[in-house]
Amino acid sequence: MRTSRQVRVLAGVLLAASLGLAGCSESGGDSKSSYADAPTAAPTAAQGAGGGAAEDGKSARRSPRLAPSVIRTASLEVEVRDVPGALAKARQVTEDAGGYVGEESTDRDDDGGERTRVVLRVPSERYAEVLGSLQGTGKLLRRTARAQDVTDQVVDVDSRIKSQRASVARVRELMDRAEKLTDVVALEGELSSREADLEALLAQQASLKDRTGLATITLSLAGKGAHPAADDDTPGFLDALSGGWHAFLTMLRWIALVVGAVLPFAALLALLVFLWHRVVRPRLPRRQAPAPLPGSLPRARPVPESGAPVSGEHK
């Protein structure tokens, strides 16, 4: 009896011990797995943070900040002692800056004062430097400057050019695949229209590039005593009288020109009329009165009224 009880107790102890060992092994495995998973989770989070930074960097590189496109124009009026010398200096300054002279005109007023107007095209990055140099050629009378931002217009034109080029390429691909003559003719008309639109956009792009890359400076040089005209250009009474007199003389001049142009034809016409009446017409045969038809009865004389005197009778 004691032996059977001891065996049962020993079996229970062994069963409890095995259950305890199994629980410890499971807890140890869970802890190990949690510890093993922790480093894996950390690199994943780091990779996520690194991926976000990389995406931000790519987006920043994809959308760079565009440099502004500005059209710069200026106008200067300067009084100088030597107009040809100041003009030569302005040319030299412009050429040293990498620009060129676009237009030039020179005239003299009634008092003999010389005036010169020249249009200069200089690179935009040298615009301020050239403007300052031109102002120092003499006494500055007037200065105006303007800057027009056309960045949006430049971006829009560039985008439209890309789209139009892609459209032209698609039409050309369709032409290569077309088999019917009607399809080819229709695609050729469409291709011509789109190529014309593309050329217009390219011309607009070139114009914008020229105006933004080169600033325009209009320089007016006036000698001593030849000041530029005042802003008030409203004509007065003497101006109106002078204008009317010039208009009258112009009208007389035109009338004289018309008379001079018509006079040879009028003389020829008068000569022809004279020859007709004096030479040709008298020699033409005259028409005779028609003779009375034979057998025609004489007309009866009208009967005189009562009381009227009969022809041949005398009172």
Foldseek 3Di string as FASTA:
>chain_A
DVVVVVVVVVVVVVVVVVVVVVVVVVVVVVVVVVVVVVVVVVVVVVVVVVVVVVVVVVVCVVDDDDDWQKFKEKEWEFEAADVVVLVVVLQVLLVVQVWHWDDKDWDADPVRKIKMKTKIKGFPVCVVVSVVVSCPRHPTDDMDMDMDTCRVVLVVLVVVLVVLVVVLVVLVVVLVVDDDPVSNVVSVVVNVVSVVVNVVSVVVNVVSCRRRGIYMYMYMYIYPPGHDDDPDPDDDPVRVVVVVVVVVVVVVVVVVVVCVVCVVVVVVVVVVVVCCVPPVVVPDDDDDDDDDDPPDDDDDDDDDDPPDDDPPDDD
